[in-house]
Amino acid sequence: MICALTTVSHRHRHRCLYQSKLIESDQKTIDFLKGRLKAHLEATEQNKVRTKRFNISVRTAGGKQALKLNLENPLELPERFQRVIIEPDNTALREALFSFRP
Protein backbone atom coordinates (compact mmCIF):
# COMPACT_ATOMS: atom_id res chain seq x y z
CA MET A 1 0.00 0.00 0.00
CA ILE A 2 2.82 2.42 0.82
CA CYS A 3 4.50 1.64 -2.50
CA ALA A 4 1.26 2.35 -4.36
CA LEU A 5 0.80 5.68 -2.58
CA THR A 6 4.43 6.59 -3.29
CA THR A 7 3.89 5.87 -6.99
CA VAL A 8 0.73 7.98 -7.06
CA SER A 9 2.56 10.77 -5.23
CA HIS A 10 5.35 10.76 -7.83
CA ARG A 11 2.79 10.93 -10.64
CA HIS A 12 1.06 13.89 -8.99
CA ARG A 13 4.38 15.66 -8.47
CA HIS A 14 5.27 15.12 -12.15
CA ARG A 15 1.88 16.50 -13.26
CA CYS A 16 2.29 19.49 -10.97
CA LEU A 17 5.73 20.30 -12.41
CA TYR A 18 4.34 19.95 -15.93
CA GLN A 19 1.43 22.28 -15.11
CA SER A 20 3.75 24.90 -13.60
CA LYS A 21 5.89 24.84 -16.76
CA LEU A 22 2.73 25.35 -18.84
CA ILE A 23 1.68 28.27 -16.62
CA GLU A 24 5.12 29.86 -16.95
CA SER A 25 5.06 29.42 -20.74
CA ASP A 26 1.57 30.93 -20.99
CA GLN A 27 2.61 33.91 -18.87
CA LYS A 28 5.61 34.55 -21.12
CA THR A 29 3.33 34.46 -24.18
CA ILE A 30 0.90 36.89 -22.51
CA ASP A 31 3.72 39.29 -21.61
CA PHE A 32 5.12 39.10 -25.16
CA LEU A 33 1.74 39.81 -26.76
CA LYS A 34 1.04 42.69 -24.37
CA GLY A 35 4.42 44.20 -25.19
CA ARG A 36 3.85 43.89 -28.94
CA LEU A 37 0.38 45.43 -28.69
CA LYS A 38 1.68 48.30 -26.56
CA ALA A 39 4.58 48.95 -28.96
CA HIS A 40 2.19 49.03 -31.93
CA LEU A 41 -0.22 51.39 -30.19
CA GLU A 42 2.64 53.72 -29.23
CA ALA A 43 4.11 53.58 -32.75
CA THR A 44 0.74 54.56 -34.25
CA GLU A 45 0.21 57.15 -31.50
CA GLN A 46 -2.98 55.52 -30.28
CA ASN A 47 -3.89 54.92 -26.68
CA LYS A 48 -7.24 53.13 -27.13
CA VAL A 49 -8.67 50.37 -29.27
CA ARG A 50 -12.42 49.74 -29.21
CA THR A 51 -14.00 46.59 -30.57
CA LYS A 52 -17.40 44.94 -30.21
CA ARG A 53 -16.08 42.48 -27.63
CA PHE A 54 -13.61 44.55 -25.60
CA ASN A 55 -11.76 47.82 -25.19
CA ILE A 56 -8.00 48.14 -24.71
CA SER A 57 -6.20 51.22 -23.44
CA VAL A 58 -2.57 51.98 -22.70
CA ARG A 59 -2.00 53.75 -19.43
CA THR A 60 0.99 55.06 -17.62
CA ALA A 61 1.55 54.00 -14.04
CA GLY A 62 -0.68 56.11 -11.82
CA GLY A 63 -0.44 57.06 -8.22
CA LYS A 64 2.05 59.16 -6.38
CA GLN A 65 5.52 59.77 -7.70
CA ALA A 66 8.19 57.73 -5.92
CA LEU A 67 10.17 59.61 -3.31
CA LYS A 68 13.70 58.60 -2.34
CA LEU A 69 15.48 60.34 0.52
CA ASN A 70 19.14 59.90 1.32
CA LEU A 71 18.88 60.37 5.07
CA GLU A 72 20.84 58.37 7.58
CA ASN A 73 18.77 59.69 10.46
CA PRO A 74 15.08 60.59 9.99
CA LEU A 75 15.31 62.78 13.11
CA GLU A 76 17.20 65.29 10.96
CA LEU A 77 13.92 66.17 9.25
CA PRO A 78 11.69 68.88 10.70
CA GLU A 79 9.04 67.52 13.07
CA ARG A 80 6.21 68.16 10.59
CA PHE A 81 7.81 65.63 8.21
CA GLN A 82 8.13 62.89 10.84
CA ARG A 83 5.65 60.25 11.88
CA VAL A 84 5.55 58.49 15.24
CA ILE A 85 4.54 54.85 15.18
CA ILE A 86 3.51 53.18 18.43
CA GLU A 87 3.71 49.39 18.50
CA PRO A 88 3.20 46.87 21.28
CA ASP A 89 6.35 45.46 22.87
CA ASN A 90 5.65 41.77 22.30
CA THR A 91 8.71 40.65 24.24
CA ALA A 92 7.68 42.55 27.37
CA LEU A 93 4.07 41.34 27.02
CA ARG A 94 5.20 37.73 26.63
CA GLU A 95 7.46 37.96 29.70
CA ALA A 96 4.66 39.53 31.76
CA LEU A 97 2.15 36.87 30.69
CA PHE A 98 4.43 33.92 31.35
CA SER A 99 5.75 35.26 34.67
CA PHE A 100 2.22 35.68 36.02
CA ARG A 101 1.41 33.12 38.70
CA PRO A 102 -2.03 33.05 40.31
C-alpha atoms as a PDB file:
ATOM      1  CA  MET A   1       0.000   0.000   0.000  1.00  0.00           C
ATOM      2  CA  ILE A   2       2.817   2.420   0.822  1.00  0.00           C
ATOM      3  CA  CYS A   3       4.497   1.643  -2.503  1.00  0.00           C
ATOM      4  CA  ALA A   4       1.258   2.346  -4.361  1.00  0.00           C
ATOM      5  CA  LEU A   5       0.804   5.679  -2.576  1.00  0.00           C
ATOM      6  CA  THR A   6       4.430   6.587  -3.291  1.00  0.00           C
ATOM      7  CA  THR A   7       3.890   5.865  -6.988  1.00  0.00           C
ATOM      8  CA  VAL A   8       0.734   7.983  -7.060  1.00  0.00           C
ATOM      9  CA  SER A   9       2.565  10.768  -5.231  1.00  0.00           C
ATOM     10  CA  HIS A  10       5.349  10.756  -7.833  1.00  0.00           C
ATOM     11  CA  ARG A  11       2.789  10.933 -10.639  1.00  0.00           C
ATOM     12  CA  HIS A  12       1.058  13.889  -8.989  1.00  0.00           C
ATOM     13  CA  ARG A  13       4.379  15.657  -8.468  1.00  0.00           C
ATOM     14  CA  HIS A  14       5.269  15.121 -12.150  1.00  0.00           C
ATOM     15  CA  ARG A  15       1.875  16.499 -13.261  1.00  0.00           C
ATOM     16  CA  CYS A  16       2.292  19.489 -10.969  1.00  0.00           C
ATOM     17  CA  LEU A  17       5.733  20.303 -12.414  1.00  0.00           C
ATOM     18  CA  TYR A  18       4.339  19.948 -15.934  1.00  0.00           C
ATOM     19  CA  GLN A  19       1.429  22.282 -15.114  1.00  0.00           C
ATOM     20  CA  SER A  20       3.752  24.904 -13.602  1.00  0.00           C
ATOM     21  CA  LYS A  21       5.887  24.837 -16.763  1.00  0.00           C
ATOM     22  CA  LEU A  22       2.733  25.355 -18.842  1.00  0.00           C
ATOM     23  CA  ILE A  23       1.682  28.270 -16.624  1.00  0.00           C
ATOM     24  CA  GLU A  24       5.121  29.859 -16.952  1.00  0.00           C
ATOM     25  CA  SER A  25       5.059  29.422 -20.742  1.00  0.00           C
ATOM     26  CA  ASP A  26       1.566  30.926 -20.989  1.00  0.00           C
ATOM     27  CA  GLN A  27       2.606  33.911 -18.872  1.00  0.00           C
ATOM     28  CA  LYS A  28       5.614  34.547 -21.125  1.00  0.00           C
ATOM     29  CA  THR A  29       3.326  34.460 -24.179  1.00  0.00           C
ATOM     30  CA  ILE A  30       0.905  36.887 -22.513  1.00  0.00           C
ATOM     31  CA  ASP A  31       3.718  39.291 -21.608  1.00  0.00           C
ATOM     32  CA  PHE A  32       5.120  39.096 -25.157  1.00  0.00           C
ATOM     33  CA  LEU A  33       1.741  39.808 -26.759  1.00  0.00           C
ATOM     34  CA  LYS A  34       1.043  42.693 -24.373  1.00  0.00           C
ATOM     35  CA  GLY A  35       4.416  44.198 -25.192  1.00  0.00           C
ATOM     36  CA  ARG A  36       3.849  43.894 -28.941  1.00  0.00           C
ATOM     37  CA  LEU A  37       0.385  45.433 -28.688  1.00  0.00           C
ATOM     38  CA  LYS A  38       1.676  48.302 -26.557  1.00  0.00           C
ATOM     39  CA  ALA A  39       4.577  48.949 -28.959  1.00  0.00           C
ATOM     40  CA  HIS A  40       2.188  49.027 -31.927  1.00  0.00           C
ATOM     41  CA  LEU A  41      -0.220  51.395 -30.189  1.00  0.00           C
ATOM     42  CA  GLU A  42       2.639  53.720 -29.226  1.00  0.00           C
ATOM     43  CA  ALA A  43       4.106  53.585 -32.752  1.00  0.00           C
ATOM     44  CA  THR A  44       0.742  54.558 -34.252  1.00  0.00           C
ATOM     45  CA  GLU A  45       0.206  57.154 -31.502  1.00  0.00           C
ATOM     46  CA  GLN A  46      -2.975  55.515 -30.281  1.00  0.00           C
ATOM     47  CA  ASN A  47      -3.893  54.917 -26.684  1.00  0.00           C
ATOM     48  CA  LYS A  48      -7.240  53.130 -27.127  1.00  0.00           C
ATOM     49  CA  VAL A  49      -8.671  50.365 -29.273  1.00  0.00           C
ATOM     50  CA  ARG A  50     -12.421  49.738 -29.208  1.00  0.00           C
ATOM     51  CA  THR A  51     -14.000  46.585 -30.569  1.00  0.00           C
ATOM     52  CA  LYS A  52     -17.396  44.941 -30.210  1.00  0.00           C
ATOM     53  CA  ARG A  53     -16.083  42.483 -27.631  1.00  0.00           C
ATOM     54  CA  PHE A  54     -13.614  44.550 -25.599  1.00  0.00           C
ATOM     55  CA  ASN A  55     -11.755  47.823 -25.187  1.00  0.00           C
ATOM     56  CA  ILE A  56      -8.000  48.145 -24.710  1.00  0.00           C
ATOM     57  CA  SER A  57      -6.199  51.220 -23.444  1.00  0.00           C
ATOM     58  CA  VAL A  58      -2.573  51.979 -22.704  1.00  0.00           C
ATOM     59  CA  ARG A  59      -2.003  53.754 -19.426  1.00  0.00           C
ATOM     60  CA  THR A  60       0.993  55.059 -17.617  1.00  0.00           C
ATOM     61  CA  ALA A  61       1.546  54.004 -14.037  1.00  0.00           C
ATOM     62  CA  GLY A  62      -0.683  56.106 -11.819  1.00  0.00           C
ATOM     63  CA  GLY A  63      -0.438  57.062  -8.220  1.00  0.00           C
ATOM     64  CA  LYS A  64       2.047  59.158  -6.382  1.00  0.00           C
ATOM     65  CA  GLN A  65       5.517  59.769  -7.695  1.00  0.00           C
ATOM     66  CA  ALA A  66       8.193  57.727  -5.923  1.00  0.00           C
ATOM     67  CA  LEU A  67      10.172  59.607  -3.309  1.00  0.00           C
ATOM     68  CA  LYS A  68      13.699  58.601  -2.339  1.00  0.00           C
ATOM     69  CA  LEU A  69      15.484  60.344   0.517  1.00  0.00           C
ATOM     70  CA  ASN A  70      19.140  59.898   1.325  1.00  0.00           C
ATOM     71  CA  LEU A  71      18.883  60.375   5.069  1.00  0.00           C
ATOM     72  CA  GLU A  72      20.840  58.373   7.576  1.00  0.00           C
ATOM     73  CA  ASN A  73      18.765  59.692  10.457  1.00  0.00           C
ATOM     74  CA  PRO A  74      15.078  60.595   9.986  1.00  0.00           C
ATOM     75  CA  LEU A  75      15.314  62.775  13.106  1.00  0.00           C
ATOM     76  CA  GLU A  76      17.199  65.294  10.958  1.00  0.00           C
ATOM     77  CA  LEU A  77      13.917  66.171   9.249  1.00  0.00           C
ATOM     78  CA  PRO A  78      11.687  68.884  10.697  1.00  0.00           C
ATOM     79  CA  GLU A  79       9.035  67.522  13.067  1.00  0.00           C
ATOM     80  CA  ARG A  80       6.212  68.156  10.587  1.00  0.00           C
ATOM     81  CA  PHE A  81       7.813  65.633   8.210  1.00  0.00           C
ATOM     82  CA  GLN A  82       8.133  62.892  10.837  1.00  0.00           C
ATOM     83  CA  ARG A  83       5.652  60.249  11.877  1.00  0.00           C
ATOM     84  CA  VAL A  84       5.546  58.494  15.240  1.00  0.00           C
ATOM     85  CA  ILE A  85       4.543  54.847  15.178  1.00  0.00           C
ATOM     86  CA  ILE A  86       3.508  53.176  18.433  1.00  0.00           C
ATOM     87  CA  GLU A  87       3.713  49.391  18.496  1.00  0.00           C
ATOM     88  CA  PRO A  88       3.200  46.868  21.284  1.00  0.00           C
ATOM     89  CA  ASP A  89       6.349  45.457  22.866  1.00  0.00           C
ATOM     90  CA  ASN A  90       5.653  41.767  22.303  1.00  0.00           C
ATOM     91  CA  THR A  91       8.712  40.650  24.244  1.00  0.00           C
ATOM     92  CA  ALA A  92       7.676  42.551  27.371  1.00  0.00           C
ATOM     93  CA  LEU A  93       4.073  41.335  27.019  1.00  0.00           C
ATOM     94  CA  ARG A  94       5.203  37.730  26.630  1.00  0.00           C
ATOM     95  CA  GLU A  95       7.458  37.959  29.696  1.00  0.00           C
ATOM     96  CA  ALA A  96       4.660  39.534  31.756  1.00  0.00           C
ATOM     97  CA  LEU A  97       2.154  36.875  30.687  1.00  0.00           C
ATOM     98  CA  PHE A  98       4.431  33.919  31.353  1.00  0.00           C
ATOM     99  CA  SER A  99       5.753  35.261  34.675  1.00  0.00           C
ATOM    100  CA  PHE A 100       2.217  35.682  36.024  1.00  0.00           C
ATOM    101  CA  ARG A 101       1.409  33.125  38.702  1.00  0.00           C
ATOM    102  CA  PRO A 102      -2.029  33.047  40.308  1.00  0.00           C
END
